């Protein structure tokens, strides 16, 4: 039995990531190395998200990064479609009815 691939998330904006790093949920700034250590992800991953060289990460990494920043997941990341890794529009309850 094969396991489904992890849900991928795209960083909404590398500039937003940098802004959130300047003032985290605690009000303090965090460096890319500090963020990587707090989130338990590779420093290269954080650097690549900041530079725009990498846009997608699995859900667990996206959640770890946003938890370390002190913000909700969808403040920084957008769910991506598994197959093509294209953006999936998020519907709210009003649009669905």
C-alpha atoms as a PDB file:
ATOM      1  CA  UNK A   1       0.000   0.000   0.000  1.00  0.00           C
ATOM      2  CA  UNK A   2       1.521   3.310  -1.042  1.00  0.00           C
ATOM      3  CA  UNK A   3       1.305   6.352   1.146  1.00  0.00           C
ATOM      4  CA  UNK A   4      -0.103   9.610  -0.231  1.00  0.00           C
ATOM      5  CA  UNK A   5       2.501  12.302  -0.839  1.00  0.00           C
ATOM      6  CA  UNK A   6       2.468  15.096   1.735  1.00  0.00           C
ATOM      7  CA  UNK A   7       0.298  18.146   1.153  1.00  0.00           C
ATOM      8  CA  UNK A   8       2.550  20.868  -0.223  1.00  0.00           C
ATOM      9  CA  UNK A   9       2.367  24.546   0.656  1.00  0.00           C
ATOM     10  CA  UNK A  10       3.710  27.509  -1.305  1.00  0.00           C
ATOM     11  CA  UNK A  11       5.140  30.526   0.450  1.00  0.00           C
ATOM     12  CA  UNK A  12       2.781  33.402  -0.355  1.00  0.00           C
ATOM     13  CA  UNK A  13       5.581  35.963  -0.499  1.00  0.00           C
ATOM     14  CA  UNK A  14       9.267  35.894   0.316  1.00  0.00           C
ATOM     15  CA  UNK A  15       8.899  39.531   1.369  1.00  0.00           C
ATOM     16  CA  UNK A  16       6.166  38.548   3.833  1.00  0.00           C
ATOM     17  CA  UNK A  17       8.470  35.890   5.290  1.00  0.00           C
ATOM     18  CA  UNK A  18      11.199  38.503   5.777  1.00  0.00           C
ATOM     19  CA  UNK A  19       8.709  40.901   7.397  1.00  0.00           C
ATOM     20  CA  UNK A  20       7.459  38.214   9.779  1.00  0.00           C
ATOM     21  CA  UNK A  21      11.049  37.426  10.709  1.00  0.00           C
ATOM     22  CA  UNK A  22      11.614  41.088  11.619  1.00  0.00           C
ATOM     23  CA  UNK A  23       8.800  40.905  14.162  1.00  0.00           C
ATOM     24  CA  UNK A  24       7.660  37.468  15.260  1.00  0.00           C
ATOM     25  CA  UNK A  25       4.655  36.677  17.423  1.00  0.00           C
ATOM     26  CA  UNK A  26       6.758  37.534  20.475  1.00  0.00           C
ATOM     27  CA  UNK A  27       7.673  40.922  18.990  1.00  0.00           C
ATOM     28  CA  UNK A  28      11.313  39.989  18.519  1.00  0.00           C
ATOM     29  CA  UNK A  29      13.317  39.552  15.333  1.00  0.00           C
ATOM     30  CA  UNK A  30      14.702  36.188  14.289  1.00  0.00           C
ATOM     31  CA  UNK A  31      17.536  35.403  11.873  1.00  0.00           C
ATOM     32  CA  UNK A  32      17.233  32.740   9.201  1.00  0.00           C
ATOM     33  CA  UNK A  33      19.506  30.440  11.201  1.00  0.00           C
ATOM     34  CA  UNK A  34      17.474  30.992  14.383  1.00  0.00           C
ATOM     35  CA  UNK A  35      14.220  30.374  12.530  1.00  0.00           C
ATOM     36  CA  UNK A  36      15.587  27.191  10.986  1.00  0.00           C
ATOM     37  CA  UNK A  37      16.741  25.930  14.386  1.00  0.00           C
ATOM     38  CA  UNK A  38      13.426  26.769  16.087  1.00  0.00           C
ATOM     39  CA  UNK A  39      11.431  25.144  13.279  1.00  0.00           C
ATOM     40  CA  UNK A  40      13.697  22.123  12.988  1.00  0.00           C
ATOM     41  CA  UNK A  41      14.277  22.627   9.267  1.00  0.00           C
ATOM     42  CA  UNK A  42      17.455  23.077   7.281  1.00  0.00           C
ATOM     43  CA  UNK A  43      18.912  26.567   7.188  1.00  0.00           C
ATOM     44  CA  UNK A  44      19.099  26.213   3.402  1.00  0.00           C
ATOM     45  CA  UNK A  45      15.340  25.719   3.245  1.00  0.00           C
ATOM     46  CA  UNK A  46      14.670  28.978   5.073  1.00  0.00           C
ATOM     47  CA  UNK A  47      17.246  30.802   2.951  1.00  0.00           C
ATOM     48  CA  UNK A  48      15.759  29.439  -0.269  1.00  0.00           C
ATOM     49  CA  UNK A  49      12.236  30.460   0.786  1.00  0.00           C
ATOM     50  CA  UNK A  50      13.512  33.942   1.617  1.00  0.00           C
ATOM     51  CA  UNK A  51      15.271  34.335  -1.738  1.00  0.00           C
ATOM     52  CA  UNK A  52      12.462  32.840  -3.790  1.00  0.00           C
ATOM     53  CA  UNK A  53      14.672  29.995  -5.022  1.00  0.00           C
ATOM     54  CA  UNK A  54      12.256  27.563  -3.333  1.00  0.00           C
ATOM     55  CA  UNK A  55       8.526  28.103  -3.144  1.00  0.00           C
ATOM     56  CA  UNK A  56       7.118  24.802  -1.892  1.00  0.00           C
ATOM     57  CA  UNK A  57       7.538  22.844   1.338  1.00  0.00           C
ATOM     58  CA  UNK A  58       5.613  19.926   2.829  1.00  0.00           C
ATOM     59  CA  UNK A  59       2.890  20.781   5.321  1.00  0.00           C
ATOM     60  CA  UNK A  60       4.927  19.703   8.354  1.00  0.00           C
ATOM     61  CA  UNK A  61       7.733  22.128   7.488  1.00  0.00           C
ATOM     62  CA  UNK A  62       5.297  24.936   6.695  1.00  0.00           C
ATOM     63  CA  UNK A  63       3.585  24.425  10.056  1.00  0.00           C
ATOM     64  CA  UNK A  64       6.909  24.282  11.900  1.00  0.00           C
ATOM     65  CA  UNK A  65       8.055  27.551  10.313  1.00  0.00           C
ATOM     66  CA  UNK A  66       4.825  29.396  11.068  1.00  0.00           C
ATOM     67  CA  UNK A  67       4.712  28.031  14.608  1.00  0.00           C
ATOM     68  CA  UNK A  68       8.258  29.306  15.165  1.00  0.00           C
ATOM     69  CA  UNK A  69       7.191  32.698  13.795  1.00  0.00           C
ATOM     70  CA  UNK A  70       4.071  32.756  15.964  1.00  0.00           C
ATOM     71  CA  UNK A  71       1.560  33.091  13.122  1.00  0.00           C
ATOM     72  CA  UNK A  72      -1.179  30.941  11.594  1.00  0.00           C
ATOM     73  CA  UNK A  73      -0.227  28.687   8.662  1.00  0.00           C
ATOM     74  CA  UNK A  74      -2.216  30.576   6.027  1.00  0.00           C
ATOM     75  CA  UNK A  75      -0.681  33.921   6.960  1.00  0.00           C
ATOM     76  CA  UNK A  76       2.471  32.810   5.130  1.00  0.00           C
ATOM     77  CA  UNK A  77       1.613  29.702   3.102  1.00  0.00           C
ATOM     78  CA  UNK A  78      -0.948  28.771   0.467  1.00  0.00           C
ATOM     79  CA  UNK A  79      -2.060  25.144  -0.011  1.00  0.00           C
ATOM     80  CA  UNK A  80      -0.869  23.790  -3.363  1.00  0.00           C
ATOM     81  CA  UNK A  81      -2.386  21.084  -5.495  1.00  0.00           C
ATOM     82  CA  UNK A  82      -0.506  17.799  -5.168  1.00  0.00           C
ATOM     83  CA  UNK A  83      -0.159  16.873  -8.807  1.00  0.00           C
ATOM     84  CA  UNK A  84       0.874  20.110 -10.475  1.00  0.00           C
ATOM     85  CA  UNK A  85       1.805  22.120  -7.423  1.00  0.00           C
ATOM     86  CA  UNK A  86      -0.352  24.931  -8.714  1.00  0.00           C
ATOM     87  CA  UNK A  87      -2.211  27.252  -6.421  1.00  0.00           C
ATOM     88  CA  UNK A  88      -5.607  26.014  -5.267  1.00  0.00           C
ATOM     89  CA  UNK A  89      -8.128  28.773  -4.635  1.00  0.00           C
ATOM     90  CA  UNK A  90      -9.450  28.716  -1.103  1.00  0.00           C
ATOM     91  CA  UNK A  91     -13.219  28.868  -0.888  1.00  0.00           C
ATOM     92  CA  UNK A  92     -14.925  30.409   2.073  1.00  0.00           C
ATOM     93  CA  UNK A  93     -18.405  29.386   3.194  1.00  0.00           C
ATOM     94  CA  UNK A  94     -20.090  32.279   1.384  1.00  0.00           C
ATOM     95  CA  UNK A  95     -18.593  31.300  -1.997  1.00  0.00           C
ATOM     96  CA  UNK A  96     -19.576  27.670  -1.582  1.00  0.00           C
ATOM     97  CA  UNK A  97     -23.307  28.439  -1.187  1.00  0.00           C
END
